[in-house]
Amino acid sequence: MTPADHPAIPPAKVGVLLVNLGTPDAPDAAAVRRYLAEFLSDPRVVEIPRLVWKPILHGIILRTRPAKSAHAYHQVWREDGSPLAAITREQAAALQGAFGPDVVIDYAMRYGRPALGERLRALKDGGCERILVAPLYPQYCAATTATANDVAFAELARMRWQPALRTLPPYFDDPAYIAALATSVEASLAALDFAPQAVLASFHGMPERTLQLGDPYHCHCQKTARLLGEALGRELTVTFQSRFGRAKWLEPATDTVLAGLPAKGITRIAIVAPGFSADCLETLEELAIRGRDAFIAAGGTHFAYLPCLNASDAGIAMLRKILWRELAGWADAP
């Protein structure tokens, strides 16, 4: 029998924490500066010695980049906030109850709010003795998947009573993911009023040295594109976006390819971003706005950005399937 003065212990539950990259709290320079300071201070993201990188970050980048990035965020900001946070919140809401009444779904950002460590602890305080941390990055990258897991493990290190923890593996070649992508892309292409001559699959770029150091990200991206192309019955052109700094990055670069296609007679294109689980600044502003402008300026006539899976029926069904697989043994089949 529990003593009368024993601390309250909530009923045991299972938690699922959806994790995405992060976002500033507002589309203004001050909020963007705070966000970039956290993001670009992560040694998983910028693998340059701290003594070299810190003066560059604080002396140059955080003085010049926030205003420019704030303008970009302002162009895509929604009434309910940052697209990335809003869509991840929608995904969590759509999954609530999908695995039974004793499985709690929450979401967090690796950088910014809601903070990953805080939401992990909130799940534990709410009675979740088993937690699945689910970084929503289909392709594994140390700068995305690993750093999210790092924060989760670091939070556990501060706990006296730790929950059991599982992490979602990359799902770049999972049949459920490829099928959901194919369904989404086919529906988006069917809704266009033109027939694209080419379809680009743009993935977030990484420095080329990450591939040489053993990061599987480049290979995961290539396999996703190959499998998606096979499912669609057409070859996709793989490109990499969001270059930053002077280091050599994975190629070909999305902006360079977009600017060069019209000269080759390809004036009608569609572009999809299979590496993003939710639309965000990099898809809505970099691709759908700046990418379109660059393509049209180079002589293109028709451009379409195809949305991410987001909280679509196909996207949520896919998440239910892959998350349920990782919850096996922890929760009863719904």
C-alpha atoms as a PDB file:
ATOM      1  CA  MET A   1       0.000   0.000   0.000  1.00  0.00           C
ATOM      2  CA  THR A   2       1.341   3.428  -0.937  1.00  0.00           C
ATOM      3  CA  PRO A   3       2.089   5.643   2.099  1.00  0.00           C
ATOM      4  CA  ALA A   4      -0.131   8.720   2.473  1.00  0.00           C
ATOM      5  CA  ASP A   5       2.830  11.072   2.051  1.00  0.00           C
ATOM      6  CA  HIS A   6       4.218   9.309  -1.043  1.00  0.00           C
ATOM      7  CA  PRO A   7       4.690  11.630  -4.090  1.00  0.00           C
ATOM      8  CA  ALA A   8       1.923  11.260  -6.669  1.00  0.00           C
ATOM      9  CA  ILE A   9       2.782   8.888  -9.533  1.00  0.00           C
ATOM     10  CA  PRO A  10       0.678   9.296 -12.700  1.00  0.00           C
ATOM     11  CA  PRO A  11      -0.579   6.187 -14.537  1.00  0.00           C
ATOM     12  CA  ALA A  12       2.079   4.688 -16.802  1.00  0.00           C
ATOM     13  CA  LYS A  13       1.846   5.791 -20.431  1.00  0.00           C
ATOM     14  CA  VAL A  14       3.886   5.689 -23.626  1.00  0.00           C
ATOM     15  CA  GLY A  15       5.035   8.902 -25.294  1.00  0.00           C
ATOM     16  CA  VAL A  16       5.838   9.706 -28.910  1.00  0.00           C
ATOM     17  CA  LEU A  17       7.798  12.909 -29.490  1.00  0.00           C
ATOM     18  CA  LEU A  18       7.848  14.155 -33.080  1.00  0.00           C
ATOM     19  CA  VAL A  19      10.978  16.249 -33.639  1.00  0.00           C
ATOM     20  CA  ASN A  20      11.745  18.709 -36.389  1.00  0.00           C
ATOM     21  CA  LEU A  21      14.637  21.085 -36.967  1.00  0.00           C
ATOM     22  CA  GLY A  22      13.405  24.374 -35.550  1.00  0.00           C
ATOM     23  CA  THR A  23      12.296  27.894 -36.238  1.00  0.00           C
ATOM     24  CA  PRO A  24      12.454  31.397 -34.787  1.00  0.00           C
ATOM     25  CA  ASP A  25       9.537  32.575 -32.641  1.00  0.00           C
ATOM     26  CA  ALA A  26       8.741  35.454 -34.984  1.00  0.00           C
ATOM     27  CA  PRO A  27       9.720  36.710 -38.452  1.00  0.00           C
ATOM     28  CA  ASP A  28      11.872  39.544 -37.109  1.00  0.00           C
ATOM     29  CA  ALA A  29      15.612  40.062 -36.864  1.00  0.00           C
ATOM     30  CA  ALA A  30      15.837  39.671 -33.090  1.00  0.00           C
ATOM     31  CA  ALA A  31      14.022  36.315 -33.060  1.00  0.00           C
ATOM     32  CA  VAL A  32      15.974  35.070 -36.054  1.00  0.00           C
ATOM     33  CA  ARG A  33      19.245  36.079 -34.390  1.00  0.00           C
ATOM     34  CA  ARG A  34      18.392  34.023 -31.293  1.00  0.00           C
ATOM     35  CA  TYR A  35      17.449  31.052 -33.436  1.00  0.00           C
ATOM     36  CA  LEU A  36      20.550  31.235 -35.647  1.00  0.00           C
ATOM     37  CA  ALA A  37      22.807  31.637 -32.611  1.00  0.00           C
ATOM     38  CA  GLU A  38      21.514  28.344 -31.224  1.00  0.00           C
ATOM     39  CA  PHE A  39      21.447  26.550 -34.569  1.00  0.00           C
ATOM     40  CA  LEU A  40      24.858  27.635 -35.809  1.00  0.00           C
ATOM     41  CA  SER A  41      26.518  27.044 -32.427  1.00  0.00           C
ATOM     42  CA  ASP A  42      25.786  23.315 -32.679  1.00  0.00           C
ATOM     43  CA  PRO A  43      29.062  21.493 -33.443  1.00  0.00           C
ATOM     44  CA  ARG A  44      27.027  18.857 -35.302  1.00  0.00           C
ATOM     45  CA  VAL A  45      25.886  21.572 -37.726  1.00  0.00           C
ATOM     46  CA  VAL A  46      29.121  23.513 -38.173  1.00  0.00           C
ATOM     47  CA  GLU A  47      32.117  21.204 -37.856  1.00  0.00           C
ATOM     48  CA  ILE A  48      34.724  23.927 -37.532  1.00  0.00           C
ATOM     49  CA  PRO A  49      36.930  24.363 -34.429  1.00  0.00           C
ATOM     50  CA  ARG A  50      35.125  26.615 -31.943  1.00  0.00           C
ATOM     51  CA  LEU A  51      38.052  29.033 -31.660  1.00  0.00           C
ATOM     52  CA  VAL A  52      37.854  29.649 -35.410  1.00  0.00           C
ATOM     53  CA  TRP A  53      34.078  29.588 -35.800  1.00  0.00           C
ATOM     54  CA  LYS A  54      32.923  31.671 -32.828  1.00  0.00           C
ATOM     55  CA  PRO A  55      34.409  35.007 -34.021  1.00  0.00           C
ATOM     56  CA  ILE A  56      32.960  34.433 -37.500  1.00  0.00           C
ATOM     57  CA  LEU A  57      29.522  33.574 -36.109  1.00  0.00           C
ATOM     58  CA  HIS A  58      29.267  36.455 -33.658  1.00  0.00           C
ATOM     59  CA  GLY A  59      31.393  38.979 -35.522  1.00  0.00           C
ATOM     60  CA  ILE A  60      29.917  38.582 -39.008  1.00  0.00           C
ATOM     61  CA  ILE A  61      27.033  36.157 -39.477  1.00  0.00           C
ATOM     62  CA  LEU A  62      24.834  37.172 -36.547  1.00  0.00           C
ATOM     63  CA  ARG A  63      25.336  40.822 -37.475  1.00  0.00           C
ATOM     64  CA  THR A  64      24.335  40.488 -41.120  1.00  0.00           C
ATOM     65  CA  ARG A  65      22.207  37.398 -41.708  1.00  0.00           C
ATOM     66  CA  PRO A  66      19.243  37.849 -39.294  1.00  0.00           C
ATOM     67  CA  ALA A  67      17.659  40.768 -41.154  1.00  0.00           C
ATOM     68  CA  LYS A  68      17.873  38.960 -44.487  1.00  0.00           C
ATOM     69  CA  SER A  69      16.498  35.737 -43.047  1.00  0.00           C
ATOM     70  CA  ALA A  70      13.734  37.626 -41.228  1.00  0.00           C
ATOM     71  CA  HIS A  71      12.564  39.034 -44.575  1.00  0.00           C
ATOM     72  CA  ALA A  72      12.459  35.510 -45.982  1.00  0.00           C
ATOM     73  CA  TYR A  73      10.494  34.190 -42.987  1.00  0.00           C
ATOM     74  CA  HIS A  74       8.056  37.089 -43.272  1.00  0.00           C
ATOM     75  CA  GLN A  75       7.137  35.970 -46.792  1.00  0.00           C
ATOM     76  CA  VAL A  76       6.001  32.518 -45.643  1.00  0.00           C
ATOM     77  CA  TRP A  77       4.827  33.158 -42.056  1.00  0.00           C
ATOM     78  CA  ARG A  78       1.316  31.907 -41.301  1.00  0.00           C
ATOM     79  CA  GLU A  79      -1.351  33.248 -38.962  1.00  0.00           C
ATOM     80  CA  ASP A  80      -0.607  30.305 -36.673  1.00  0.00           C
ATOM     81  CA  GLY A  81       3.137  30.904 -36.794  1.00  0.00           C
ATOM     82  CA  SER A  82       6.115  29.394 -38.558  1.00  0.00           C
ATOM     83  CA  PRO A  83       5.064  26.875 -41.231  1.00  0.00           C
ATOM     84  CA  LEU A  84       7.415  24.210 -39.875  1.00  0.00           C
ATOM     85  CA  ALA A  85       6.156  24.466 -36.294  1.00  0.00           C
ATOM     86  CA  ALA A  86       2.517  24.809 -37.367  1.00  0.00           C
ATOM     87  CA  ILE A  87       2.622  21.772 -39.648  1.00  0.00           C
ATOM     88  CA  THR A  88       4.498  19.631 -37.115  1.00  0.00           C
ATOM     89  CA  ARG A  89       1.839  20.588 -34.581  1.00  0.00           C
ATOM     90  CA  GLU A  90      -0.839  19.513 -37.084  1.00  0.00           C
ATOM     91  CA  GLN A  91       0.927  16.188 -37.582  1.00  0.00           C
ATOM     92  CA  ALA A  92       0.999  15.580 -33.825  1.00  0.00           C
ATOM     93  CA  ALA A  93      -2.694  16.470 -33.516  1.00  0.00           C
ATOM     94  CA  ALA A  94      -3.617  14.148 -36.400  1.00  0.00           C
ATOM     95  CA  LEU A  95      -1.765  11.265 -34.730  1.00  0.00           C
ATOM     96  CA  GLN A  96      -3.298  11.810 -31.294  1.00  0.00           C
ATOM     97  CA  GLY A  97      -5.230   8.673 -30.366  1.00  0.00           C
ATOM     98  CA  ALA A  98      -3.885   6.699 -33.325  1.00  0.00           C
ATOM     99  CA  PHE A  99      -2.112   4.193 -31.054  1.00  0.00           C
ATOM    100  CA  GLY A 100      -4.666   3.891 -28.289  1.00  0.00           C
ATOM    101  CA  PRO A 101      -5.566   5.992 -25.225  1.00  0.00           C
ATOM    102  CA  ASP A 102      -2.336   5.290 -23.359  1.00  0.00           C
ATOM    103  CA  VAL A 103      -0.013   6.658 -26.054  1.00  0.00           C
ATOM    104  CA  VAL A 104       0.566  10.421 -25.862  1.00  0.00           C
ATOM    105  CA  ILE A 105       1.744  12.312 -28.956  1.00  0.00           C
ATOM    106  CA  ASP A 106       3.741  15.532 -28.602  1.00  0.00           C
ATOM    107  CA  TYR A 107       6.109  17.525 -30.802  1.00  0.00           C
ATOM    108  CA  ALA A 108       9.261  19.582 -30.353  1.00  0.00           C
ATOM    109  CA  MET A 109      11.916  21.522 -32.220  1.00  0.00           C
ATOM    110  CA  ARG A 110      15.630  20.806 -31.965  1.00  0.00           C
ATOM    111  CA  TYR A 111      16.294  24.556 -32.039  1.00  0.00           C
ATOM    112  CA  GLY A 112      13.821  27.103 -30.729  1.00  0.00           C
ATOM    113  CA  ARG A 113      10.480  26.236 -29.184  1.00  0.00           C
ATOM    114  CA  PRO A 114       8.855  24.026 -28.083  1.00  0.00           C
ATOM    115  CA  ALA A 115      12.255  22.810 -26.926  1.00  0.00           C
ATOM    116  CA  LEU A 116      13.047  19.123 -27.296  1.00  0.00           C
ATOM    117  CA  GLY A 117      14.442  18.667 -23.798  1.00  0.00           C
ATOM    118  CA  GLU A 118      11.490  20.427 -22.184  1.00  0.00           C
ATOM    119  CA  ARG A 119       8.895  18.353 -24.044  1.00  0.00           C
ATOM    120  CA  LEU A 120      10.747  15.119 -23.293  1.00  0.00           C
ATOM    121  CA  ARG A 121      10.701  15.946 -19.588  1.00  0.00           C
ATOM    122  CA  ALA A 122       7.030  16.967 -19.802  1.00  0.00           C
ATOM    123  CA  LEU A 123       6.171  13.557 -21.246  1.00  0.00           C
ATOM    124  CA  LYS A 124       8.048  11.856 -18.420  1.00  0.00           C
ATOM    125  CA  ASP A 125       6.386  14.063 -15.791  1.00  0.00           C
ATOM    126  CA  GLY A 126       3.044  13.156 -17.362  1.00  0.00           C
ATOM    127  CA  GLY A 127       3.605   9.461 -16.730  1.00  0.00           C
ATOM    128  CA  CYS A 128       5.341   8.344 -19.923  1.00  0.00           C
ATOM    129  CA  GLU A 129       7.753   5.683 -18.756  1.00  0.00           C
ATOM    130  CA  ARG A 130       8.553   4.703 -22.345  1.00  0.00           C
ATOM    131  CA  ILE A 131       9.185   7.332 -25.011  1.00  0.00           C
ATOM    132  CA  LEU A 132       9.790   7.066 -28.742  1.00  0.00           C
ATOM    133  CA  VAL A 133      11.771  10.077 -29.968  1.00  0.00           C
ATOM    134  CA  ALA A 134      10.960  10.455 -33.648  1.00  0.00           C
ATOM    135  CA  PRO A 135      13.206  12.818 -35.641  1.00  0.00           C
ATOM    136  CA  LEU A 136      11.194  13.464 -38.807  1.00  0.00           C
ATOM    137  CA  TYR A 137      14.183  13.284 -41.146  1.00  0.00           C
ATOM    138  CA  PRO A 138      13.729  10.495 -43.710  1.00  0.00           C
ATOM    139  CA  GLN A 139      17.435  10.530 -44.607  1.00  0.00           C
ATOM    140  CA  TYR A 140      19.942  10.172 -41.756  1.00  0.00           C
ATOM    141  CA  CYS A 141      22.357  13.027 -41.266  1.00  0.00           C
ATOM    142  CA  ALA A 142      24.544  13.754 -38.264  1.00  0.00           C
ATOM    143  CA  ALA A 143      23.539  17.421 -38.463  1.00  0.00           C
ATOM    144  CA  THR A 144      19.832  16.570 -38.133  1.00  0.00           C
ATOM    145  CA  THR A 145      19.029  13.099 -36.794  1.00  0.00           C
ATOM    146  CA  ALA A 146      22.075  12.722 -34.556  1.00  0.00           C
ATOM    147  CA  THR A 147      21.854  16.147 -32.945  1.00  0.00           C
ATOM    148  CA  ALA A 148      18.187  15.584 -32.078  1.00  0.00           C
ATOM    149  CA  ASN A 149      19.094  12.290 -30.434  1.00  0.00           C
ATOM    150  CA  ASP A 150      22.002  13.980 -28.642  1.00  0.00           C
ATOM    151  CA  VAL A 151      19.619  16.394 -26.930  1.00  0.00           C
ATOM    152  CA  ALA A 152      17.249  13.597 -25.943  1.00  0.00           C
ATOM    153  CA  PHE A 153      20.040  11.551 -24.395  1.00  0.00           C
ATOM    154  CA  ALA A 154      21.466  14.631 -22.644  1.00  0.00           C
ATOM    155  CA  GLU A 155      18.074  15.315 -21.079  1.00  0.00           C
ATOM    156  CA  LEU A 156      17.937  11.739 -19.788  1.00  0.00           C
ATOM    157  CA  ALA A 157      21.361  12.244 -18.207  1.00  0.00           C
ATOM    158  CA  ARG A 158      19.792  14.924 -15.981  1.00  0.00           C
ATOM    159  CA  MET A 159      16.957  12.670 -14.795  1.00  0.00           C
ATOM    160  CA  ARG A 160      16.933  10.557 -11.658  1.00  0.00           C
ATOM    161  CA  TRP A 161      14.076   8.374 -12.957  1.00  0.00           C
ATOM    162  CA  GLN A 162      14.718   7.904 -16.640  1.00  0.00           C
ATOM    163  CA  PRO A 163      12.114   6.651 -19.099  1.00  0.00           C
ATOM    164  CA  ALA A 164      13.012   3.869 -21.512  1.00  0.00           C
ATOM    165  CA  LEU A 165      13.917   5.507 -24.803  1.00  0.00           C
ATOM    166  CA  ARG A 166      13.697   4.458 -28.443  1.00  0.00           C
ATOM    167  CA  THR A 167      14.554   6.545 -31.476  1.00  0.00           C
ATOM    168  CA  LEU A 168      12.995   6.430 -34.937  1.00  0.00           C
ATOM    169  CA  PRO A 169      15.444   5.100 -37.540  1.00  0.00           C
ATOM    170  CA  PRO A 170      15.786   6.870 -40.891  1.00  0.00           C
ATOM    171  CA  TYR A 171      13.049   5.817 -43.305  1.00  0.00           C
ATOM    172  CA  PHE A 172      14.519   6.976 -46.610  1.00  0.00           C
ATOM    173  CA  ASP A 173      13.748   3.697 -48.400  1.00  0.00           C
ATOM    174  CA  ASP A 174      10.746   2.530 -46.402  1.00  0.00           C
ATOM    175  CA  PRO A 175       8.026   1.290 -48.790  1.00  0.00           C
ATOM    176  CA  ALA A 176       5.387   3.219 -46.824  1.00  0.00           C
ATOM    177  CA  TYR A 177       7.351   6.461 -47.209  1.00  0.00           C
ATOM    178  CA  ILE A 178       8.038   5.953 -50.913  1.00  0.00           C
ATOM    179  CA  ALA A 179       4.389   5.056 -51.559  1.00  0.00           C
ATOM    180  CA  ALA A 180       3.170   8.145 -49.686  1.00  0.00           C
ATOM    181  CA  LEU A 181       5.576  10.362 -51.634  1.00  0.00           C
ATOM    182  CA  ALA A 182       4.472   8.842 -54.928  1.00  0.00           C
ATOM    183  CA  THR A 183       0.796   9.347 -54.065  1.00  0.00           C
ATOM    184  CA  SER A 184       1.423  12.970 -53.120  1.00  0.00           C
ATOM    185  CA  VAL A 185       3.550  13.780 -56.163  1.00  0.00           C
ATOM    186  CA  GLU A 186       1.147  12.092 -58.578  1.00  0.00           C
ATOM    187  CA  ALA A 187      -1.788  14.063 -57.159  1.00  0.00           C
ATOM    188  CA  SER A 188       0.152  17.331 -57.363  1.00  0.00           C
ATOM    189  CA  LEU A 189       1.281  16.668 -60.934  1.00  0.00           C
ATOM    190  CA  ALA A 190      -2.261  15.743 -61.991  1.00  0.00           C
ATOM    191  CA  ALA A 191      -3.518  19.100 -60.690  1.00  0.00           C
ATOM    192  CA  LEU A 192      -1.102  21.126 -62.846  1.00  0.00           C
ATOM    193  CA  ASP A 193      -2.237  22.889 -65.990  1.00  0.00           C
ATOM    194  CA  PHE A 194       0.970  21.935 -67.795  1.00  0.00           C
ATOM    195  CA  ALA A 195       3.106  18.835 -68.334  1.00  0.00           C
ATOM    196  CA  PRO A 196       6.597  19.199 -66.787  1.00  0.00           C
ATOM    197  CA  GLN A 197       9.513  18.231 -68.983  1.00  0.00           C
ATOM    198  CA  ALA A 198      11.520  17.452 -65.860  1.00  0.00           C
ATOM    199  CA  VAL A 199      10.876  16.810 -62.181  1.00  0.00           C
ATOM    200  CA  LEU A 200      13.601  17.840 -59.726  1.00  0.00           C
ATOM    201  CA  ALA A 201      14.062  16.228 -56.322  1.00  0.00           C
ATOM    202  CA  SER A 202      15.782  18.867 -54.191  1.00  0.00           C
ATOM    203  CA  PHE A 203      17.356  17.799 -50.902  1.00  0.00           C
ATOM    204  CA  HIS A 204      18.938  20.004 -48.275  1.00  0.00           C
ATOM    205  CA  GLY A 205      22.640  20.272 -48.988  1.00  0.00           C
ATOM    206  CA  MET A 206      25.532  19.348 -46.731  1.00  0.00           C
ATOM    207  CA  PRO A 207      29.273  20.022 -47.003  1.00  0.00           C
ATOM    208  CA  GLU A 208      30.897  17.435 -49.263  1.00  0.00           C
ATOM    209  CA  ARG A 209      33.340  16.485 -46.498  1.00  0.00           C
ATOM    210  CA  THR A 210      30.457  14.967 -44.515  1.00  0.00           C
ATOM    211  CA  LEU A 211      30.191  12.283 -47.178  1.00  0.00           C
ATOM    212  CA  GLN A 212      33.929  11.673 -47.016  1.00  0.00           C
ATOM    213  CA  LEU A 213      33.706  11.384 -43.216  1.00  0.00           C
ATOM    214  CA  GLY A 214      31.155   8.589 -43.520  1.00  0.00           C
ATOM    215  CA  ASP A 215      27.792  10.338 -43.205  1.00  0.00           C
ATOM    216  CA  PRO A 216      25.252   8.262 -45.206  1.00  0.00           C
ATOM    217  CA  TYR A 217      23.053  11.254 -46.034  1.00  0.00           C
ATOM    218  CA  HIS A 218      24.074  11.616 -49.696  1.00  0.00           C
ATOM    219  CA  CYS A 219      23.492   7.928 -50.357  1.00  0.00           C
ATOM    220  CA  HIS A 220      20.128   8.013 -48.588  1.00  0.00           C
ATOM    221  CA  CYS A 221      19.017  10.961 -50.743  1.00  0.00           C
ATOM    222  CA  GLN A 222      20.055   9.220 -53.942  1.00  0.00           C
ATOM    223  CA  LYS A 223      18.192   6.045 -52.993  1.00  0.00           C
ATOM    224  CA  THR A 224      15.033   7.949 -52.059  1.00  0.00           C
ATOM    225  CA  ALA A 225      15.070   9.689 -55.441  1.00  0.00           C
ATOM    226  CA  ARG A 226      15.706   6.456 -57.310  1.00  0.00           C
ATOM    227  CA  LEU A 227      12.887   4.615 -55.568  1.00  0.00           C
ATOM    228  CA  LEU A 228      10.494   7.531 -55.960  1.00  0.00           C
ATOM    229  CA  GLY A 229      11.364   7.794 -59.634  1.00  0.00           C
ATOM    230  CA  GLU A 230      10.687   4.098 -60.100  1.00  0.00           C
ATOM    231  CA  ALA A 231       7.333   4.455 -58.322  1.00  0.00           C
ATOM    232  CA  LEU A 232       6.406   7.398 -60.549  1.00  0.00           C
ATOM    233  CA  GLY A 233       7.708   5.766 -63.715  1.00  0.00           C
ATOM    234  CA  ARG A 234      10.000   8.685 -64.517  1.00  0.00           C
ATOM    235  CA  GLU A 235      13.579   9.635 -63.711  1.00  0.00           C
ATOM    236  CA  LEU A 236      14.098  12.459 -61.241  1.00  0.00           C
ATOM    237  CA  THR A 237      16.903  15.016 -61.329  1.00  0.00           C
ATOM    238  CA  VAL A 238      18.576  15.081 -57.905  1.00  0.00           C
ATOM    239  CA  THR A 239      19.845  18.444 -56.632  1.00  0.00           C
ATOM    240  CA  PHE A 240      20.996  19.903 -53.314  1.00  0.00           C
ATOM    241  CA  GLN A 241      19.925  23.285 -51.957  1.00  0.00           C
ATOM    242  CA  SER A 242      20.717  25.737 -49.141  1.00  0.00           C
ATOM    243  CA  ARG A 243      24.463  26.121 -49.566  1.00  0.00           C
ATOM    244  CA  PHE A 244      26.126  28.103 -46.774  1.00  0.00           C
ATOM    245  CA  GLY A 245      29.682  29.370 -46.453  1.00  0.00           C
ATOM    246  CA  ARG A 246      32.703  28.765 -48.665  1.00  0.00           C
ATOM    247  CA  ALA A 247      33.146  25.020 -48.255  1.00  0.00           C
ATOM    248  CA  LYS A 248      32.420  22.709 -51.187  1.00  0.00           C
ATOM    249  CA  TRP A 249      28.904  21.302 -50.830  1.00  0.00           C
ATOM    250  CA  LEU A 250      27.116  18.321 -52.314  1.00  0.00           C
ATOM    251  CA  GLU A 251      26.302  18.863 -55.975  1.00  0.00           C
ATOM    252  CA  PRO A 252      24.619  19.607 -58.272  1.00  0.00           C
ATOM    253  CA  ALA A 253      23.276  22.737 -56.591  1.00  0.00           C
ATOM    254  CA  THR A 254      19.552  23.352 -56.986  1.00  0.00           C
ATOM    255  CA  ASP A 255      19.908  27.045 -57.850  1.00  0.00           C
ATOM    256  CA  THR A 256      22.564  26.337 -60.490  1.00  0.00           C
ATOM    257  CA  VAL A 257      20.462  23.601 -62.104  1.00  0.00           C
ATOM    258  CA  LEU A 258      17.349  25.812 -62.151  1.00  0.00           C
ATOM    259  CA  ALA A 259      19.249  28.644 -63.819  1.00  0.00           C
ATOM    260  CA  GLY A 260      20.748  26.319 -66.438  1.00  0.00           C
ATOM    261  CA  LEU A 261      17.748  24.231 -67.538  1.00  0.00           C
ATOM    262  CA  PRO A 262      16.080  26.748 -69.908  1.00  0.00           C
ATOM    263  CA  ALA A 263      19.264  26.992 -71.989  1.00  0.00           C
ATOM    264  CA  LYS A 264      18.931  23.238 -72.531  1.00  0.00           C
ATOM    265  CA  GLY A 265      15.378  23.613 -73.802  1.00  0.00           C
ATOM    266  CA  ILE A 266      13.707  22.570 -70.539  1.00  0.00           C
ATOM    267  CA  THR A 267      11.276  25.374 -69.778  1.00  0.00           C
ATOM    268  CA  ARG A 268       8.554  23.493 -67.867  1.00  0.00           C
ATOM    269  CA  ILE A 269       9.492  21.894 -64.564  1.00  0.00           C
ATOM    270  CA  ALA A 270       8.135  20.703 -61.239  1.00  0.00           C
ATOM    271  CA  ILE A 271      10.201  20.427 -58.089  1.00  0.00           C
ATOM    272  CA  VAL A 272       9.656  18.317 -54.982  1.00  0.00           C
ATOM    273  CA  ALA A 273      11.586  18.236 -51.686  1.00  0.00           C
ATOM    274  CA  PRO A 274      11.536  14.603 -50.435  1.00  0.00           C
ATOM    275  CA  GLY A 275      13.938  15.260 -47.574  1.00  0.00           C
ATOM    276  CA  PHE A 276      11.519  17.527 -45.724  1.00  0.00           C
ATOM    277  CA  SER A 277       8.637  16.051 -43.740  1.00  0.00           C
ATOM    278  CA  ALA A 278       6.954  19.455 -43.538  1.00  0.00           C
ATOM    279  CA  ASP A 279       7.068  22.592 -45.633  1.00  0.00           C
ATOM    280  CA  CYS A 280       9.322  25.273 -44.187  1.00  0.00           C
ATOM    281  CA  LEU A 281      11.463  28.255 -45.115  1.00  0.00           C
ATOM    282  CA  GLU A 282      13.723  26.131 -47.326  1.00  0.00           C
ATOM    283  CA  THR A 283      10.815  24.841 -49.402  1.00  0.00           C
ATOM    284  CA  LEU A 284       8.315  27.712 -49.373  1.00  0.00           C
ATOM    285  CA  GLU A 285      10.745  30.602 -49.776  1.00  0.00           C
ATOM    286  CA  GLU A 286      13.960  29.143 -51.193  1.00  0.00           C
ATOM    287  CA  LEU A 287      12.305  26.823 -53.716  1.00  0.00           C
ATOM    288  CA  ALA A 288       8.766  28.075 -54.340  1.00  0.00           C
ATOM    289  CA  ILE A 289       9.679  31.783 -54.436  1.00  0.00           C
ATOM    290  CA  ARG A 290      13.381  32.278 -55.169  1.00  0.00           C
ATOM    291  CA  GLY A 291      13.662  29.066 -57.157  1.00  0.00           C
ATOM    292  CA  ARG A 292      10.730  30.061 -59.353  1.00  0.00           C
ATOM    293  CA  ASP A 293      12.118  33.562 -59.876  1.00  0.00           C
ATOM    294  CA  ALA A 294      15.529  32.220 -60.909  1.00  0.00           C
ATOM    295  CA  PHE A 295      14.022  29.703 -63.312  1.00  0.00           C
ATOM    296  CA  ILE A 296      11.695  32.227 -64.956  1.00  0.00           C
ATOM    297  CA  ALA A 297      14.476  34.825 -65.167  1.00  0.00           C
ATOM    298  CA  ALA A 298      16.625  32.270 -66.999  1.00  0.00           C
ATOM    299  CA  GLY A 299      13.918  31.702 -69.617  1.00  0.00           C
ATOM    300  CA  GLY A 300      11.650  29.120 -68.007  1.00  0.00           C
ATOM    301  CA  THR A 301       7.929  29.373 -68.729  1.00  0.00           C
ATOM    302  CA  HIS A 302       6.232  26.994 -66.281  1.00  0.00           C
ATOM    303  CA  PHE A 303       7.306  26.206 -62.702  1.00  0.00           C
ATOM    304  CA  ALA A 304       5.539  24.249 -59.965  1.00  0.00           C
ATOM    305  CA  TYR A 305       6.624  23.521 -56.435  1.00  0.00           C
ATOM    306  CA  LEU A 306       4.995  20.314 -55.164  1.00  0.00           C
ATOM    307  CA  PRO A 307       4.211  20.371 -51.414  1.00  0.00           C
ATOM    308  CA  CYS A 308       5.706  18.068 -48.793  1.00  0.00           C
ATOM    309  CA  LEU A 309       3.665  15.308 -47.188  1.00  0.00           C
ATOM    310  CA  ASN A 310       2.829  17.625 -44.274  1.00  0.00           C
ATOM    311  CA  ALA A 311      -0.363  16.537 -42.466  1.00  0.00           C
ATOM    312  CA  SER A 312      -1.958  15.097 -45.597  1.00  0.00           C
ATOM    313  CA  ASP A 313      -3.899  11.849 -45.401  1.00  0.00           C
ATOM    314  CA  ALA A 314      -1.061  10.021 -47.153  1.00  0.00           C
ATOM    315  CA  GLY A 315       1.544  11.581 -44.881  1.00  0.00           C
ATOM    316  CA  ILE A 316      -0.286  10.796 -41.664  1.00  0.00           C
ATOM    317  CA  ALA A 317      -1.031   7.215 -42.766  1.00  0.00           C
ATOM    318  CA  MET A 318       2.677   6.769 -43.465  1.00  0.00           C
ATOM    319  CA  LEU A 319       3.677   8.158 -40.057  1.00  0.00           C
ATOM    320  CA  ARG A 320       1.170   5.899 -38.328  1.00  0.00           C
ATOM    321  CA  LYS A 321       2.679   2.874 -40.028  1.00  0.00           C
ATOM    322  CA  ILE A 322       6.334   3.593 -39.324  1.00  0.00           C
ATOM    323  CA  LEU A 323       5.699   4.820 -35.770  1.00  0.00           C
ATOM    324  CA  TRP A 324       3.541   1.808 -34.946  1.00  0.00           C
ATOM    325  CA  ARG A 325       6.385  -0.459 -36.039  1.00  0.00           C
ATOM    326  CA  GLU A 326       8.726   1.215 -33.532  1.00  0.00           C
ATOM    327  CA  LEU A 327       6.104   1.042 -30.771  1.00  0.00           C
ATOM    328  CA  ALA A 328       5.772  -2.728 -31.085  1.00  0.00           C
ATOM    329  CA  GLY A 329       5.808  -4.324 -27.652  1.00  0.00           C
ATOM    330  CA  TRP A 330       5.126  -1.011 -25.951  1.00  0.00           C
ATOM    331  CA  ALA A 331       1.512  -0.417 -26.973  1.00  0.00           C
ATOM    332  CA  ASP A 332      -1.412  -2.628 -27.872  1.00  0.00           C
ATOM    333  CA  ALA A 333      -2.550  -2.604 -31.490  1.00  0.00           C
ATOM    334  CA  PRO A 334      -5.247   0.096 -31.909  1.00  0.00           C
END
